[in-house]
N, C-alpha and C. Protein backbone atom coordinates (compact mmCIF):
# COMPACT_ATOMS: atom_id res chain seq x y z
N UNK A 1 -75.72 -23.09 -107.79
CA UNK A 1 -75.45 -21.87 -108.52
C UNK A 1 -76.28 -21.83 -109.79
N UNK A 2 -76.89 -20.74 -110.05
CA UNK A 2 -77.70 -20.61 -111.25
C UNK A 2 -77.03 -19.68 -112.24
N UNK A 3 -77.01 -20.08 -113.49
CA UNK A 3 -76.45 -19.21 -114.53
C UNK A 3 -77.58 -18.50 -115.26
N UNK A 4 -78.81 -18.58 -114.74
CA UNK A 4 -79.91 -17.86 -115.35
C UNK A 4 -79.84 -16.37 -115.04
N UNK A 5 -79.15 -16.01 -113.97
CA UNK A 5 -79.03 -14.60 -113.62
C UNK A 5 -77.80 -13.99 -114.30
N UNK A 6 -77.78 -12.67 -114.33
CA UNK A 6 -76.61 -11.96 -114.83
C UNK A 6 -75.64 -11.86 -113.66
N UNK A 7 -74.41 -12.26 -113.90
CA UNK A 7 -73.41 -12.28 -112.83
C UNK A 7 -72.22 -11.40 -113.19
N UNK A 8 -71.59 -10.84 -112.17
CA UNK A 8 -70.35 -10.09 -112.31
C UNK A 8 -69.24 -11.02 -111.87
N UNK A 9 -68.23 -11.18 -112.70
CA UNK A 9 -67.14 -12.12 -112.43
C UNK A 9 -65.79 -11.43 -112.47
N UNK A 10 -64.85 -12.06 -111.77
CA UNK A 10 -63.47 -11.57 -111.72
C UNK A 10 -62.55 -12.73 -111.99
N UNK A 11 -61.51 -12.46 -112.76
CA UNK A 11 -60.62 -13.54 -113.16
C UNK A 11 -59.20 -13.03 -113.32
N UNK A 12 -58.35 -13.97 -113.68
CA UNK A 12 -56.97 -13.68 -114.01
C UNK A 12 -56.50 -14.72 -115.01
N UNK A 13 -55.33 -14.50 -115.55
CA UNK A 13 -54.72 -15.48 -116.45
C UNK A 13 -53.21 -15.33 -116.33
N UNK A 14 -52.50 -16.13 -117.09
CA UNK A 14 -51.03 -16.08 -117.03
C UNK A 14 -50.43 -15.13 -118.07
N UNK A 15 -51.26 -14.40 -118.80
CA UNK A 15 -50.75 -13.52 -119.84
C UNK A 15 -49.96 -12.34 -119.25
N UNK A 16 -49.11 -11.75 -120.04
CA UNK A 16 -48.30 -10.62 -119.60
C UNK A 16 -49.18 -9.44 -119.18
N UNK A 17 -50.20 -9.11 -119.96
CA UNK A 17 -51.06 -7.98 -119.62
C UNK A 17 -51.80 -8.25 -118.29
N UNK A 18 -52.19 -9.48 -118.06
CA UNK A 18 -52.84 -9.84 -116.80
C UNK A 18 -51.88 -9.63 -115.63
N UNK A 19 -50.66 -10.07 -115.78
CA UNK A 19 -49.67 -9.90 -114.70
C UNK A 19 -49.39 -8.42 -114.45
N UNK A 20 -49.31 -7.62 -115.52
CA UNK A 20 -49.06 -6.19 -115.36
C UNK A 20 -50.23 -5.49 -114.67
N UNK A 21 -51.44 -5.84 -115.05
CA UNK A 21 -52.62 -5.23 -114.41
C UNK A 21 -52.65 -5.57 -112.93
N UNK A 22 -52.37 -6.82 -112.60
CA UNK A 22 -52.35 -7.21 -111.18
C UNK A 22 -51.26 -6.45 -110.42
N UNK A 23 -50.11 -6.29 -111.03
CA UNK A 23 -49.02 -5.58 -110.36
C UNK A 23 -49.37 -4.11 -110.15
N UNK A 24 -49.84 -3.43 -111.22
CA UNK A 24 -50.16 -2.01 -111.11
C UNK A 24 -51.32 -1.75 -110.17
N UNK A 25 -52.31 -2.63 -110.18
CA UNK A 25 -53.49 -2.41 -109.35
C UNK A 25 -53.36 -3.05 -107.96
N UNK A 26 -52.29 -3.79 -107.77
CA UNK A 26 -52.06 -4.47 -106.48
C UNK A 26 -53.25 -5.36 -106.11
N UNK A 27 -53.68 -6.17 -107.04
CA UNK A 27 -54.87 -6.99 -106.85
C UNK A 27 -54.65 -8.39 -107.39
N UNK A 28 -55.43 -9.32 -106.89
CA UNK A 28 -55.42 -10.68 -107.43
C UNK A 28 -56.19 -10.76 -108.75
N UNK A 29 -57.10 -9.82 -108.99
CA UNK A 29 -57.94 -9.83 -110.19
C UNK A 29 -57.35 -8.92 -111.27
N UNK A 30 -57.34 -9.42 -112.48
CA UNK A 30 -56.88 -8.61 -113.61
C UNK A 30 -57.98 -8.39 -114.64
N UNK A 31 -59.13 -9.00 -114.42
CA UNK A 31 -60.18 -8.93 -115.43
C UNK A 31 -61.55 -8.95 -114.75
N UNK A 32 -62.47 -8.17 -115.28
CA UNK A 32 -63.85 -8.13 -114.81
C UNK A 32 -64.76 -8.36 -116.02
N UNK A 33 -65.86 -9.04 -115.83
CA UNK A 33 -66.74 -9.40 -116.93
C UNK A 33 -68.13 -9.72 -116.40
N UNK A 34 -69.04 -9.89 -117.31
CA UNK A 34 -70.41 -10.29 -116.98
C UNK A 34 -70.71 -11.63 -117.64
N UNK A 35 -71.54 -12.44 -116.97
CA UNK A 35 -72.04 -13.66 -117.60
C UNK A 35 -73.56 -13.62 -117.57
N UNK A 36 -74.16 -14.25 -118.55
CA UNK A 36 -75.62 -14.35 -118.62
C UNK A 36 -76.01 -15.54 -119.49
N UNK A 37 -77.21 -16.03 -119.27
CA UNK A 37 -77.73 -17.15 -120.05
C UNK A 37 -78.60 -16.61 -121.17
N UNK A 38 -78.34 -17.06 -122.39
CA UNK A 38 -79.18 -16.68 -123.53
C UNK A 38 -80.19 -17.82 -123.74
N UNK A 39 -81.48 -17.54 -123.53
CA UNK A 39 -82.47 -18.62 -123.65
C UNK A 39 -82.69 -19.11 -125.07
N UNK A 40 -82.38 -18.31 -126.06
CA UNK A 40 -82.58 -18.73 -127.44
C UNK A 40 -81.51 -19.72 -127.88
N UNK A 41 -80.27 -19.45 -127.53
CA UNK A 41 -79.17 -20.34 -127.88
C UNK A 41 -78.92 -21.40 -126.81
N UNK A 42 -79.57 -21.23 -125.66
CA UNK A 42 -79.43 -22.14 -124.52
C UNK A 42 -77.96 -22.30 -124.13
N UNK A 43 -77.28 -21.16 -124.07
CA UNK A 43 -75.86 -21.12 -123.69
C UNK A 43 -75.63 -19.95 -122.75
N UNK A 44 -74.60 -20.11 -121.93
CA UNK A 44 -74.14 -19.02 -121.08
C UNK A 44 -73.03 -18.29 -121.84
N UNK A 45 -73.11 -16.96 -121.84
CA UNK A 45 -72.12 -16.13 -122.53
C UNK A 45 -71.40 -15.22 -121.55
N UNK A 46 -70.20 -14.86 -121.94
CA UNK A 46 -69.39 -13.85 -121.27
C UNK A 46 -69.49 -12.59 -122.11
N UNK A 47 -69.80 -11.46 -121.48
CA UNK A 47 -69.74 -10.16 -122.14
C UNK A 47 -68.53 -9.46 -121.52
N UNK A 48 -67.55 -9.13 -122.36
CA UNK A 48 -66.30 -8.59 -121.83
C UNK A 48 -65.61 -7.68 -122.82
N UNK A 49 -64.78 -6.81 -122.26
CA UNK A 49 -63.84 -6.01 -123.04
C UNK A 49 -62.49 -6.69 -122.88
N UNK A 50 -61.91 -7.08 -124.00
CA UNK A 50 -60.57 -7.66 -123.97
C UNK A 50 -59.78 -7.10 -125.15
N UNK A 51 -58.58 -7.56 -125.34
CA UNK A 51 -57.71 -7.02 -126.38
C UNK A 51 -58.29 -7.06 -127.78
N UNK A 52 -59.28 -7.89 -128.00
CA UNK A 52 -59.92 -7.98 -129.32
C UNK A 52 -61.13 -7.07 -129.45
N UNK A 53 -61.52 -6.41 -128.33
CA UNK A 53 -62.66 -5.51 -128.36
C UNK A 53 -63.71 -5.90 -127.34
N UNK A 54 -64.89 -5.29 -127.47
CA UNK A 54 -66.00 -5.59 -126.57
C UNK A 54 -66.85 -6.63 -127.25
N UNK A 55 -66.98 -7.80 -126.62
CA UNK A 55 -67.53 -8.94 -127.34
C UNK A 55 -68.23 -9.94 -126.44
N UNK A 56 -68.87 -10.90 -127.08
CA UNK A 56 -69.47 -12.06 -126.41
C UNK A 56 -68.64 -13.29 -126.72
N UNK A 57 -68.47 -14.13 -125.71
CA UNK A 57 -67.75 -15.39 -125.86
C UNK A 57 -68.54 -16.46 -125.11
N UNK A 58 -68.69 -17.64 -125.68
CA UNK A 58 -69.35 -18.70 -124.92
C UNK A 58 -68.58 -19.00 -123.62
N UNK A 59 -69.30 -19.17 -122.52
CA UNK A 59 -68.71 -19.43 -121.21
C UNK A 59 -67.76 -20.63 -121.25
N UNK A 60 -68.18 -21.72 -121.89
CA UNK A 60 -67.35 -22.93 -121.92
C UNK A 60 -66.00 -22.66 -122.59
N UNK A 61 -65.98 -21.87 -123.63
CA UNK A 61 -64.73 -21.53 -124.31
C UNK A 61 -63.89 -20.59 -123.44
N UNK A 62 -64.52 -19.61 -122.84
CA UNK A 62 -63.82 -18.64 -122.00
C UNK A 62 -63.12 -19.33 -120.83
N UNK A 63 -63.79 -20.31 -120.23
CA UNK A 63 -63.24 -21.01 -119.05
C UNK A 63 -61.95 -21.76 -119.34
N UNK A 64 -61.70 -22.11 -120.58
CA UNK A 64 -60.49 -22.87 -120.93
C UNK A 64 -59.21 -22.07 -120.72
N UNK A 65 -59.29 -20.75 -120.80
CA UNK A 65 -58.07 -19.93 -120.76
C UNK A 65 -58.02 -18.94 -119.61
N UNK A 66 -59.00 -18.96 -118.72
CA UNK A 66 -59.06 -18.00 -117.62
C UNK A 66 -59.25 -18.72 -116.29
N UNK A 67 -58.74 -18.11 -115.24
CA UNK A 67 -58.95 -18.62 -113.88
C UNK A 67 -59.99 -17.73 -113.21
N UNK A 68 -61.15 -18.31 -112.93
CA UNK A 68 -62.22 -17.57 -112.27
C UNK A 68 -61.87 -17.40 -110.80
N UNK A 69 -61.89 -16.16 -110.31
CA UNK A 69 -61.63 -15.87 -108.91
C UNK A 69 -62.92 -15.78 -108.10
N UNK A 70 -63.92 -15.13 -108.67
CA UNK A 70 -65.19 -14.95 -107.96
C UNK A 70 -66.28 -14.61 -108.97
N UNK A 71 -67.51 -15.05 -108.62
CA UNK A 71 -68.69 -14.72 -109.41
C UNK A 71 -69.77 -14.26 -108.43
N UNK A 72 -70.35 -13.10 -108.70
CA UNK A 72 -71.37 -12.52 -107.83
C UNK A 72 -72.66 -12.32 -108.61
N UNK A 73 -73.78 -12.63 -107.97
CA UNK A 73 -75.06 -12.22 -108.53
C UNK A 73 -75.45 -10.92 -107.82
N UNK A 74 -76.13 -10.07 -108.56
CA UNK A 74 -76.56 -8.78 -108.04
C UNK A 74 -77.96 -8.96 -107.47
N UNK A 75 -78.13 -8.60 -106.21
CA UNK A 75 -79.43 -8.76 -105.55
C UNK A 75 -80.32 -7.56 -105.89
N UNK A 76 -80.92 -7.63 -107.05
CA UNK A 76 -81.87 -6.60 -107.48
C UNK A 76 -82.77 -7.22 -108.53
N UNK A 77 -83.90 -6.60 -108.83
CA UNK A 77 -84.82 -7.20 -109.81
C UNK A 77 -84.13 -7.51 -111.14
N UNK A 78 -84.35 -8.73 -111.65
CA UNK A 78 -83.75 -9.10 -112.93
C UNK A 78 -84.08 -8.13 -114.06
N UNK A 79 -85.25 -7.52 -114.03
CA UNK A 79 -85.62 -6.59 -115.10
C UNK A 79 -84.66 -5.40 -115.15
N UNK A 80 -84.22 -4.90 -114.01
CA UNK A 80 -83.24 -3.80 -113.98
C UNK A 80 -81.93 -4.24 -114.61
N UNK A 81 -81.53 -5.47 -114.29
CA UNK A 81 -80.27 -5.99 -114.82
C UNK A 81 -80.34 -6.18 -116.34
N UNK A 82 -81.47 -6.66 -116.82
CA UNK A 82 -81.62 -6.90 -118.27
C UNK A 82 -81.56 -5.57 -119.02
N UNK A 83 -82.22 -4.55 -118.50
CA UNK A 83 -82.17 -3.23 -119.13
C UNK A 83 -80.72 -2.73 -119.19
N UNK A 84 -80.00 -2.88 -118.10
CA UNK A 84 -78.61 -2.44 -118.05
C UNK A 84 -77.74 -3.24 -119.03
N UNK A 85 -77.96 -4.55 -119.10
CA UNK A 85 -77.19 -5.40 -120.02
C UNK A 85 -77.46 -5.00 -121.46
N UNK A 86 -78.71 -4.71 -121.78
CA UNK A 86 -79.06 -4.29 -123.14
C UNK A 86 -78.39 -2.95 -123.49
N UNK A 87 -78.35 -2.03 -122.54
CA UNK A 87 -77.65 -0.75 -122.78
C UNK A 87 -76.17 -0.99 -123.04
N UNK A 88 -75.56 -1.85 -122.24
CA UNK A 88 -74.15 -2.16 -122.41
C UNK A 88 -73.89 -2.87 -123.73
N UNK A 89 -74.84 -3.69 -124.18
CA UNK A 89 -74.68 -4.42 -125.44
C UNK A 89 -74.54 -3.49 -126.64
N UNK A 90 -74.95 -2.23 -126.49
CA UNK A 90 -74.77 -1.27 -127.58
C UNK A 90 -73.29 -1.07 -127.91
N UNK A 91 -72.40 -1.41 -126.98
CA UNK A 91 -70.96 -1.28 -127.19
C UNK A 91 -70.34 -2.49 -127.90
N UNK A 92 -71.11 -3.58 -128.06
CA UNK A 92 -70.55 -4.77 -128.69
C UNK A 92 -69.96 -4.42 -130.05
N UNK A 93 -68.78 -4.94 -130.30
CA UNK A 93 -68.09 -4.66 -131.55
C UNK A 93 -67.14 -3.48 -131.49
N UNK A 94 -67.19 -2.70 -130.40
CA UNK A 94 -66.26 -1.57 -130.29
C UNK A 94 -64.86 -2.06 -129.93
N UNK A 95 -63.88 -1.24 -130.22
CA UNK A 95 -62.49 -1.60 -129.96
C UNK A 95 -62.16 -1.46 -128.47
N UNK A 96 -61.13 -2.17 -128.05
CA UNK A 96 -60.64 -2.09 -126.67
C UNK A 96 -59.94 -0.75 -126.47
N UNK A 97 -60.07 -0.18 -125.30
CA UNK A 97 -59.49 1.14 -125.01
C UNK A 97 -58.09 1.00 -124.41
N UNK A 98 -57.13 0.61 -125.26
CA UNK A 98 -55.75 0.42 -124.80
C UNK A 98 -55.17 1.68 -124.16
N UNK A 99 -55.41 2.83 -124.77
CA UNK A 99 -54.84 4.08 -124.27
C UNK A 99 -55.34 4.38 -122.85
N UNK A 100 -56.57 3.99 -122.56
CA UNK A 100 -57.15 4.23 -121.24
C UNK A 100 -56.35 3.53 -120.14
N UNK A 101 -55.68 2.44 -120.48
CA UNK A 101 -54.89 1.73 -119.48
C UNK A 101 -53.82 2.64 -118.87
N UNK A 102 -53.33 3.59 -119.65
CA UNK A 102 -52.34 4.53 -119.12
C UNK A 102 -52.91 5.34 -117.96
N UNK A 103 -54.18 5.63 -118.02
CA UNK A 103 -54.82 6.40 -116.96
C UNK A 103 -54.78 5.69 -115.61
N UNK A 104 -54.69 4.37 -115.63
CA UNK A 104 -54.63 3.63 -114.37
C UNK A 104 -53.29 3.83 -113.66
N UNK A 105 -52.28 4.27 -114.39
CA UNK A 105 -51.01 4.58 -113.73
C UNK A 105 -51.20 5.70 -112.72
N UNK A 106 -52.08 6.64 -113.02
CA UNK A 106 -52.35 7.75 -112.11
C UNK A 106 -52.97 7.26 -110.80
N UNK A 107 -53.60 6.09 -110.84
CA UNK A 107 -54.29 5.57 -109.66
C UNK A 107 -53.33 5.27 -108.51
N UNK A 108 -52.08 5.14 -108.82
CA UNK A 108 -51.11 4.92 -107.74
C UNK A 108 -50.98 6.16 -106.88
N UNK A 109 -51.31 7.33 -107.43
CA UNK A 109 -51.13 8.58 -106.70
C UNK A 109 -52.43 9.29 -106.37
N UNK A 110 -53.39 9.27 -107.27
CA UNK A 110 -54.63 10.00 -107.07
C UNK A 110 -55.81 9.04 -107.29
N UNK A 111 -56.68 8.94 -106.31
CA UNK A 111 -57.83 8.04 -106.39
C UNK A 111 -59.05 8.73 -106.98
N UNK A 112 -59.79 7.99 -107.78
CA UNK A 112 -61.09 8.39 -108.31
C UNK A 112 -61.10 9.70 -109.10
N UNK A 113 -60.01 9.99 -109.80
CA UNK A 113 -60.03 11.14 -110.70
C UNK A 113 -60.46 10.63 -112.07
N UNK A 114 -60.98 11.49 -112.89
CA UNK A 114 -61.35 11.09 -114.24
C UNK A 114 -60.10 10.61 -114.98
N UNK A 115 -60.25 9.58 -115.75
CA UNK A 115 -59.14 9.04 -116.53
C UNK A 115 -58.95 9.94 -117.75
N UNK A 116 -57.83 10.67 -117.82
CA UNK A 116 -57.65 11.61 -118.93
C UNK A 116 -57.47 10.92 -120.29
N UNK A 117 -57.23 9.62 -120.29
CA UNK A 117 -57.01 8.90 -121.54
C UNK A 117 -58.22 8.08 -121.98
N UNK A 118 -59.30 8.11 -121.21
CA UNK A 118 -60.48 7.30 -121.52
C UNK A 118 -61.18 7.81 -122.78
N UNK A 119 -61.51 6.88 -123.66
CA UNK A 119 -62.24 7.18 -124.89
C UNK A 119 -63.70 6.79 -124.68
N UNK A 120 -64.64 7.71 -124.81
CA UNK A 120 -66.05 7.39 -124.55
C UNK A 120 -66.64 6.34 -125.50
N UNK A 121 -65.97 6.08 -126.61
CA UNK A 121 -66.47 5.10 -127.57
C UNK A 121 -65.85 3.72 -127.40
N UNK A 122 -64.93 3.58 -126.43
CA UNK A 122 -64.25 2.31 -126.19
C UNK A 122 -64.28 2.01 -124.70
N UNK A 123 -64.11 0.74 -124.36
CA UNK A 123 -64.17 0.32 -122.97
C UNK A 123 -62.98 -0.56 -122.60
N UNK A 124 -62.64 -0.56 -121.31
CA UNK A 124 -61.80 -1.59 -120.73
C UNK A 124 -62.74 -2.46 -119.88
N UNK A 125 -62.27 -3.61 -119.45
CA UNK A 125 -63.16 -4.58 -118.80
C UNK A 125 -63.85 -4.04 -117.55
N UNK A 126 -63.09 -3.44 -116.66
CA UNK A 126 -63.69 -2.97 -115.41
C UNK A 126 -64.63 -1.79 -115.64
N UNK A 127 -64.32 -0.98 -116.64
CA UNK A 127 -65.21 0.13 -116.98
C UNK A 127 -66.57 -0.40 -117.45
N UNK A 128 -66.55 -1.47 -118.25
CA UNK A 128 -67.80 -2.06 -118.73
C UNK A 128 -68.65 -2.56 -117.56
N UNK A 129 -68.02 -3.22 -116.59
CA UNK A 129 -68.76 -3.72 -115.43
C UNK A 129 -69.27 -2.55 -114.59
N UNK A 130 -68.46 -1.51 -114.41
CA UNK A 130 -68.90 -0.34 -113.64
C UNK A 130 -70.07 0.36 -114.34
N UNK A 131 -70.06 0.42 -115.67
CA UNK A 131 -71.18 1.01 -116.42
C UNK A 131 -72.44 0.16 -116.20
N UNK A 132 -72.29 -1.16 -116.25
CA UNK A 132 -73.43 -2.05 -115.99
C UNK A 132 -74.01 -1.78 -114.61
N UNK A 133 -73.16 -1.73 -113.59
CA UNK A 133 -73.63 -1.51 -112.22
C UNK A 133 -74.26 -0.12 -112.08
N UNK A 134 -73.65 0.88 -112.68
CA UNK A 134 -74.21 2.23 -112.63
C UNK A 134 -75.60 2.25 -113.26
N UNK A 135 -75.74 1.61 -114.43
CA UNK A 135 -77.02 1.60 -115.12
C UNK A 135 -78.06 0.75 -114.40
N UNK A 136 -77.62 -0.15 -113.52
CA UNK A 136 -78.55 -0.90 -112.66
C UNK A 136 -79.07 -0.02 -111.53
N UNK A 137 -78.47 1.15 -111.35
CA UNK A 137 -78.91 2.04 -110.29
C UNK A 137 -78.12 1.89 -109.01
N UNK A 138 -76.96 1.26 -109.11
CA UNK A 138 -76.10 1.06 -107.95
C UNK A 138 -75.15 2.25 -107.86
N UNK A 139 -74.96 2.79 -106.68
CA UNK A 139 -74.17 4.01 -106.49
C UNK A 139 -72.68 3.84 -106.67
N UNK A 140 -71.96 4.93 -106.53
CA UNK A 140 -70.49 4.98 -106.55
C UNK A 140 -69.86 4.83 -107.94
N UNK A 141 -70.63 4.80 -108.99
CA UNK A 141 -70.06 4.54 -110.31
C UNK A 141 -70.24 5.71 -111.28
N UNK A 142 -70.19 6.94 -110.76
CA UNK A 142 -70.35 8.11 -111.63
C UNK A 142 -69.13 8.29 -112.53
N UNK A 143 -67.99 7.68 -112.19
CA UNK A 143 -66.79 7.71 -113.03
C UNK A 143 -66.35 6.28 -113.32
N UNK A 144 -67.07 5.57 -114.20
CA UNK A 144 -66.76 4.15 -114.41
C UNK A 144 -65.36 3.89 -114.95
N UNK A 145 -64.78 4.89 -115.60
CA UNK A 145 -63.44 4.70 -116.19
C UNK A 145 -62.33 4.68 -115.14
N UNK A 146 -62.66 4.95 -113.88
CA UNK A 146 -61.63 4.98 -112.83
C UNK A 146 -61.49 3.67 -112.07
N UNK A 147 -62.37 2.71 -112.31
CA UNK A 147 -62.38 1.47 -111.54
C UNK A 147 -61.51 0.40 -112.18
N UNK A 148 -60.65 -0.23 -111.39
CA UNK A 148 -59.88 -1.39 -111.85
C UNK A 148 -60.64 -2.66 -111.47
N UNK A 149 -60.29 -3.80 -112.05
CA UNK A 149 -60.94 -5.05 -111.61
C UNK A 149 -60.78 -5.28 -110.11
N UNK A 150 -59.59 -4.99 -109.59
CA UNK A 150 -59.36 -5.17 -108.15
C UNK A 150 -60.21 -4.26 -107.30
N UNK A 151 -60.39 -3.01 -107.73
CA UNK A 151 -61.26 -2.08 -107.00
C UNK A 151 -62.68 -2.62 -106.92
N UNK A 152 -63.19 -3.09 -108.06
CA UNK A 152 -64.55 -3.61 -108.11
C UNK A 152 -64.72 -4.85 -107.23
N UNK A 153 -63.74 -5.75 -107.31
CA UNK A 153 -63.81 -6.97 -106.51
C UNK A 153 -63.82 -6.64 -105.02
N UNK A 154 -62.95 -5.76 -104.59
CA UNK A 154 -62.92 -5.34 -103.18
C UNK A 154 -64.23 -4.69 -102.78
N UNK A 155 -64.75 -3.82 -103.63
CA UNK A 155 -66.00 -3.12 -103.37
C UNK A 155 -67.15 -4.11 -103.17
N UNK A 156 -67.23 -5.13 -104.06
CA UNK A 156 -68.33 -6.10 -103.97
C UNK A 156 -68.19 -7.00 -102.75
N UNK A 157 -66.98 -7.40 -102.44
CA UNK A 157 -66.78 -8.27 -101.27
C UNK A 157 -67.20 -7.58 -99.98
N UNK A 158 -67.15 -6.27 -99.94
CA UNK A 158 -67.54 -5.52 -98.73
C UNK A 158 -69.05 -5.31 -98.64
N UNK A 159 -69.82 -5.79 -99.61
CA UNK A 159 -71.26 -5.55 -99.65
C UNK A 159 -72.05 -6.85 -99.85
N UNK A 160 -71.93 -7.79 -98.91
CA UNK A 160 -72.65 -9.06 -99.09
C UNK A 160 -74.16 -8.90 -99.08
N UNK A 161 -74.67 -7.80 -98.54
CA UNK A 161 -76.11 -7.59 -98.55
C UNK A 161 -76.62 -7.25 -99.95
N UNK A 162 -75.74 -6.79 -100.83
CA UNK A 162 -76.12 -6.41 -102.19
C UNK A 162 -75.68 -7.44 -103.24
N UNK A 163 -74.64 -8.22 -102.92
CA UNK A 163 -74.07 -9.15 -103.90
C UNK A 163 -73.91 -10.52 -103.27
N UNK A 164 -74.39 -11.52 -103.95
CA UNK A 164 -74.32 -12.89 -103.48
C UNK A 164 -73.13 -13.57 -104.17
N UNK A 165 -72.13 -13.97 -103.39
CA UNK A 165 -71.01 -14.72 -103.95
C UNK A 165 -71.50 -16.10 -104.32
N UNK A 166 -71.42 -16.43 -105.60
CA UNK A 166 -71.93 -17.72 -106.06
C UNK A 166 -70.84 -18.74 -106.25
N UNK A 167 -69.65 -18.28 -106.59
CA UNK A 167 -68.56 -19.22 -106.83
C UNK A 167 -67.27 -18.51 -106.55
N UNK A 168 -66.33 -19.20 -105.98
CA UNK A 168 -65.03 -18.60 -105.70
C UNK A 168 -63.92 -19.43 -106.28
N UNK A 169 -62.78 -19.32 -105.64
CA UNK A 169 -61.56 -20.00 -106.11
C UNK A 169 -61.73 -21.49 -106.21
């Protein structure tokens, strides 16, 4: 497994919010994130939206408190991925979109509708990953605010020709 590529990861934890997300979304995954290697610091980082905001965390520190379910590399030119990651990095430091979580309640009844509570200046974890994939030129992500971590994980598992599973449970 190489950490030189940008990877899409799915995880869970024992926190209350993680358990609630898994219950509402009916999924094993409660969190979606990206990992990448920074050649200047010679470290792997996690880019994620969590309760503290949209941020970077060293991979080694992140692994101490999360259970990794799956990590996928995107089978496309690295240059496309880097451009997309740089666009997403413009959100670093923004607040977490707590109110948007209410929009996921609607997902139990209506699929793929715009999230009426989504704030364009804030992100939730799965929205950040969907924005990354959309900006890479991958289809189906015209409404990134509608995707849960479980939706994304299911979607990627059904497309082995586009995504290489690098690590699992």
